[in-house]
Amino acid sequence: MGSGNTESVQESYDRIADAYARRFANELQQKPLDRQLLSRFAAEVMGRGQVCDMGCGPGQIARYLRDAGIEVRGLDLSPAMVPQARQLNPEIRFQIGDMMKLDFPDQTLAGIVACYSIVNSPESSLPTVFRELWRVLRPGGLLL
């Protein structure tokens, strides 16, 4: 993925961050399948270490996992979206970051949730994205 696409995605989410956060902050209430998948994921990673919600947006998935007892943090490409997540979920750590070059040491995460972020990556960049996700996952870590 060229930096142009990353910048384009970032700029798009920066422009709509406030409206996006209002629209999607509570979306899981209407998504029983997503809640079921997240609950199953949480049960599998419980007590195994930290999980990261990649492309966290306003933090609704991180909040769901935290409420399920998971040690979770969020990461988003958009500098305008991260403050939205922090405001809605002040007890969770959120940071700006790019899945193409994650600022995590090797094998540090017990799990990764990337429900709505990989779709913004061009097909040609997916090998790089998945290599980075694999790099930061602990052996036996889970990716949803």
C-alpha atoms as a PDB file:
ATOM      1  CA  MET A   1       0.000   0.000   0.000  1.00  0.00           C
ATOM      2  CA  GLY A   2       1.442   3.320  -0.942  1.00  0.00           C
ATOM      3  CA  SER A   3       1.423   6.102   1.586  1.00  0.00           C
ATOM      4  CA  GLY A   4      -1.161   7.834  -0.610  1.00  0.00           C
ATOM      5  CA  ASN A   5      -3.823   5.267   0.234  1.00  0.00           C
ATOM      6  CA  THR A   6      -2.984   5.367   3.948  1.00  0.00           C
ATOM      7  CA  GLU A   7      -3.224   9.146   3.900  1.00  0.00           C
ATOM      8  CA  SER A   8      -6.496   9.007   1.969  1.00  0.00           C
ATOM      9  CA  VAL A   9      -8.084   6.621   4.490  1.00  0.00           C
ATOM     10  CA  GLN A  10      -6.752   8.675   7.383  1.00  0.00           C
ATOM     11  CA  GLU A  11      -8.021  11.959   5.934  1.00  0.00           C
ATOM     12  CA  SER A  12     -11.443  10.461   5.210  1.00  0.00           C
ATOM     13  CA  TYR A  13     -11.882   9.268   8.795  1.00  0.00           C
ATOM     14  CA  ASP A  14     -10.448  12.499  10.182  1.00  0.00           C
ATOM     15  CA  ARG A  15     -13.145  14.462   8.316  1.00  0.00           C
ATOM     16  CA  ILE A  16     -16.028  12.352   9.615  1.00  0.00           C
ATOM     17  CA  ALA A  17     -14.712  11.323  13.057  1.00  0.00           C
ATOM     18  CA  ASP A  18     -17.344  13.152  15.103  1.00  0.00           C
ATOM     19  CA  ALA A  19     -20.348  11.951  13.057  1.00  0.00           C
ATOM     20  CA  TYR A  20     -18.876   8.452  12.757  1.00  0.00           C
ATOM     21  CA  ALA A  21     -18.430   8.204  16.524  1.00  0.00           C
ATOM     22  CA  ARG A  22     -22.029   9.311  17.140  1.00  0.00           C
ATOM     23  CA  ARG A  23     -23.368   6.790  14.628  1.00  0.00           C
ATOM     24  CA  PHE A  24     -21.312   3.735  15.595  1.00  0.00           C
ATOM     25  CA  ALA A  25     -20.503   4.146  19.316  1.00  0.00           C
ATOM     26  CA  ASN A  26     -23.416   1.869  20.291  1.00  0.00           C
ATOM     27  CA  GLU A  27     -23.775  -0.211  17.121  1.00  0.00           C
ATOM     28  CA  LEU A  28     -23.158  -3.551  18.859  1.00  0.00           C
ATOM     29  CA  GLN A  29     -26.560  -3.289  20.539  1.00  0.00           C
ATOM     30  CA  GLN A  30     -28.087  -4.133  17.138  1.00  0.00           C
ATOM     31  CA  LYS A  31     -25.523  -6.780  16.155  1.00  0.00           C
ATOM     32  CA  PRO A  32     -26.138 -10.051  18.007  1.00  0.00           C
ATOM     33  CA  LEU A  33     -23.794 -12.071  15.767  1.00  0.00           C
ATOM     34  CA  ASP A  34     -20.927  -9.620  16.357  1.00  0.00           C
ATOM     35  CA  ARG A  35     -21.554  -9.793  20.109  1.00  0.00           C
ATOM     36  CA  GLN A  36     -21.530 -13.587  19.974  1.00  0.00           C
ATOM     37  CA  LEU A  37     -18.241 -13.647  18.041  1.00  0.00           C
ATOM     38  CA  LEU A  38     -16.666 -11.116  20.395  1.00  0.00           C
ATOM     39  CA  SER A  39     -17.843 -13.060  23.458  1.00  0.00           C
ATOM     40  CA  ARG A  40     -16.347 -16.263  22.074  1.00  0.00           C
ATOM     41  CA  PHE A  41     -13.092 -14.442  21.290  1.00  0.00           C
ATOM     42  CA  ALA A  42     -13.045 -12.954  24.810  1.00  0.00           C
ATOM     43  CA  ALA A  43     -13.536 -16.394  26.367  1.00  0.00           C
ATOM     44  CA  GLU A  44     -10.582 -17.739  24.357  1.00  0.00           C
ATOM     45  CA  VAL A  45      -8.149 -14.925  25.289  1.00  0.00           C
ATOM     46  CA  MET A  46      -9.307 -14.412  28.882  1.00  0.00           C
ATOM     47  CA  GLY A  47      -6.313 -14.155  31.192  1.00  0.00           C
ATOM     48  CA  ARG A  48      -3.774 -14.649  28.394  1.00  0.00           C
ATOM     49  CA  GLY A  49      -2.650 -11.019  28.096  1.00  0.00           C
ATOM     50  CA  GLN A  50      -3.410  -7.855  26.253  1.00  0.00           C
ATOM     51  CA  VAL A  51      -5.650  -7.590  23.191  1.00  0.00           C
ATOM     52  CA  CYS A  52      -5.642  -4.769  20.641  1.00  0.00           C
ATOM     53  CA  ASP A  53      -8.657  -3.509  18.719  1.00  0.00           C
ATOM     54  CA  MET A  54      -7.044  -2.487  15.406  1.00  0.00           C
ATOM     55  CA  GLY A  55      -8.938   0.230  13.578  1.00  0.00           C
ATOM     56  CA  CYS A  56     -10.888   0.852  16.764  1.00  0.00           C
ATOM     57  CA  GLY A  57     -12.928   3.827  15.557  1.00  0.00           C
ATOM     58  CA  PRO A  58     -14.921   5.164  18.517  1.00  0.00           C
ATOM     59  CA  GLY A  59     -13.939   2.146  20.634  1.00  0.00           C
ATOM     60  CA  GLN A  60     -17.182   0.178  20.734  1.00  0.00           C
ATOM     61  CA  ILE A  61     -15.448  -3.183  20.273  1.00  0.00           C
ATOM     62  CA  ALA A  62     -12.697  -2.372  22.778  1.00  0.00           C
ATOM     63  CA  ARG A  63     -15.413  -1.386  25.269  1.00  0.00           C
ATOM     64  CA  TYR A  64     -17.293  -4.642  24.699  1.00  0.00           C
ATOM     65  CA  LEU A  65     -14.118  -6.641  25.313  1.00  0.00           C
ATOM     66  CA  ARG A  66     -13.205  -4.592  28.380  1.00  0.00           C
ATOM     67  CA  ASP A  67     -16.697  -5.169  29.772  1.00  0.00           C
ATOM     68  CA  ALA A  68     -16.100  -8.906  29.216  1.00  0.00           C
ATOM     69  CA  GLY A  69     -12.990  -8.711  31.414  1.00  0.00           C
ATOM     70  CA  ILE A  70     -10.318  -8.477  28.723  1.00  0.00           C
ATOM     71  CA  GLU A  71      -7.215  -6.290  29.038  1.00  0.00           C
ATOM     72  CA  VAL A  72      -7.686  -4.280  25.849  1.00  0.00           C
ATOM     73  CA  ARG A  73      -6.347  -1.244  24.064  1.00  0.00           C
ATOM     74  CA  GLY A  74      -7.320   0.401  20.792  1.00  0.00           C
ATOM     75  CA  LEU A  75      -5.406   1.648  17.782  1.00  0.00           C
ATOM     76  CA  ASP A  76      -6.653   3.750  14.893  1.00  0.00           C
ATOM     77  CA  LEU A  77      -5.035   5.371  11.871  1.00  0.00           C
ATOM     78  CA  SER A  78      -7.085   8.552  12.275  1.00  0.00           C
ATOM     79  CA  PRO A  79      -5.711  11.191  14.685  1.00  0.00           C
ATOM     80  CA  ALA A  80      -9.236  12.657  14.847  1.00  0.00           C
ATOM     81  CA  MET A  81     -10.870   9.319  15.726  1.00  0.00           C
ATOM     82  CA  VAL A  82      -8.630   8.475  18.688  1.00  0.00           C
ATOM     83  CA  PRO A  83      -9.893  11.423  20.800  1.00  0.00           C
ATOM     84  CA  GLN A  84     -13.467  10.288  20.070  1.00  0.00           C
ATOM     85  CA  ALA A  85     -12.628   6.824  21.411  1.00  0.00           C
ATOM     86  CA  ARG A  86     -10.889   8.299  24.460  1.00  0.00           C
ATOM     87  CA  GLN A  87     -13.836  10.559  25.250  1.00  0.00           C
ATOM     88  CA  LEU A  88     -16.362   7.714  24.970  1.00  0.00           C
ATOM     89  CA  ASN A  89     -14.149   5.200  26.824  1.00  0.00           C
ATOM     90  CA  PRO A  90     -11.767   7.072  29.149  1.00  0.00           C
ATOM     91  CA  GLU A  91     -10.761   3.871  30.974  1.00  0.00           C
ATOM     92  CA  ILE A  92      -9.253   2.297  27.822  1.00  0.00           C
ATOM     93  CA  ARG A  93      -5.927   3.261  26.264  1.00  0.00           C
ATOM     94  CA  PHE A  94      -6.209   4.369  22.632  1.00  0.00           C
ATOM     95  CA  GLN A  95      -3.387   5.384  20.340  1.00  0.00           C
ATOM     96  CA  ILE A  96      -2.768   6.448  16.764  1.00  0.00           C
ATOM     97  CA  GLY A  97      -1.157   3.757  14.649  1.00  0.00           C
ATOM     98  CA  ASP A  98      -0.879   2.048  11.285  1.00  0.00           C
ATOM     99  CA  MET A  99      -1.369  -1.694  10.786  1.00  0.00           C
ATOM    100  CA  MET A 100       1.288  -1.560   8.060  1.00  0.00           C
ATOM    101  CA  LYS A 101       3.926  -0.709  10.676  1.00  0.00           C
ATOM    102  CA  LEU A 102       2.768  -1.457  14.191  1.00  0.00           C
ATOM    103  CA  ASP A 103       4.530   0.172  17.108  1.00  0.00           C
ATOM    104  CA  PHE A 104       4.453  -2.983  19.248  1.00  0.00           C
ATOM    105  CA  PRO A 105       7.332  -5.302  20.071  1.00  0.00           C
ATOM    106  CA  ASP A 106       7.273  -8.797  18.594  1.00  0.00           C
ATOM    107  CA  GLN A 107       4.923 -11.309  20.226  1.00  0.00           C
ATOM    108  CA  THR A 108       3.308  -8.913  22.719  1.00  0.00           C
ATOM    109  CA  LEU A 109      -0.415  -9.386  22.100  1.00  0.00           C
ATOM    110  CA  ALA A 110      -2.590 -12.312  23.166  1.00  0.00           C
ATOM    111  CA  GLY A 111      -5.184 -11.290  20.599  1.00  0.00           C
ATOM    112  CA  ILE A 112      -6.096  -8.849  17.878  1.00  0.00           C
ATOM    113  CA  VAL A 113      -9.538  -7.784  16.752  1.00  0.00           C
ATOM    114  CA  ALA A 114      -9.516  -6.183  13.305  1.00  0.00           C
ATOM    115  CA  CYS A 115     -13.194  -6.274  12.393  1.00  0.00           C
ATOM    116  CA  TYR A 116     -13.530  -3.079  10.417  1.00  0.00           C
ATOM    117  CA  SER A 117      -9.979  -2.142   9.535  1.00  0.00           C
ATOM    118  CA  ILE A 118      -8.647  -4.689   7.066  1.00  0.00           C
ATOM    119  CA  VAL A 119     -11.411  -3.738   4.604  1.00  0.00           C
ATOM    120  CA  ASN A 120      -9.687  -0.361   4.144  1.00  0.00           C
ATOM    121  CA  SER A 121      -6.448  -2.005   3.001  1.00  0.00           C
ATOM    122  CA  PRO A 122      -5.893  -2.603  -0.698  1.00  0.00           C
ATOM    123  CA  GLU A 123      -5.474  -6.259  -1.591  1.00  0.00           C
ATOM    124  CA  SER A 124      -1.836  -5.676  -2.546  1.00  0.00           C
ATOM    125  CA  SER A 125      -1.020  -4.536   1.015  1.00  0.00           C
ATOM    126  CA  LEU A 126      -2.716  -7.447   2.812  1.00  0.00           C
ATOM    127  CA  PRO A 127       0.450  -9.586   2.990  1.00  0.00           C
ATOM    128  CA  THR A 128       2.212  -6.716   4.796  1.00  0.00           C
ATOM    129  CA  VAL A 129      -0.740  -6.158   7.124  1.00  0.00           C
ATOM    130  CA  PHE A 130      -0.993  -9.843   8.031  1.00  0.00           C
ATOM    131  CA  ARG A 131       2.796 -10.126   8.518  1.00  0.00           C
ATOM    132  CA  GLU A 132       2.615  -7.257  11.003  1.00  0.00           C
ATOM    133  CA  LEU A 133      -0.345  -8.770  12.831  1.00  0.00           C
ATOM    134  CA  TRP A 134       1.459 -12.132  12.986  1.00  0.00           C
ATOM    135  CA  ARG A 135       4.644 -10.436  14.226  1.00  0.00           C
ATOM    136  CA  VAL A 136       2.962  -8.819  17.240  1.00  0.00           C
ATOM    137  CA  LEU A 137       0.817 -11.836  18.207  1.00  0.00           C
ATOM    138  CA  ARG A 138       2.179 -14.194  20.841  1.00  0.00           C
ATOM    139  CA  PRO A 139       2.475 -17.859  19.863  1.00  0.00           C
ATOM    140  CA  GLY A 140      -1.057 -19.220  20.033  1.00  0.00           C
ATOM    141  CA  GLY A 141      -2.512 -15.695  19.910  1.00  0.00           C
ATOM    142  CA  LEU A 142      -5.847 -15.158  18.208  1.00  0.00           C
ATOM    143  CA  LEU A 143      -6.901 -12.871  15.363  1.00  0.00           C
ATOM    144  CA  LEU A 144     -10.540 -12.004  14.824  1.00  0.00           C
END
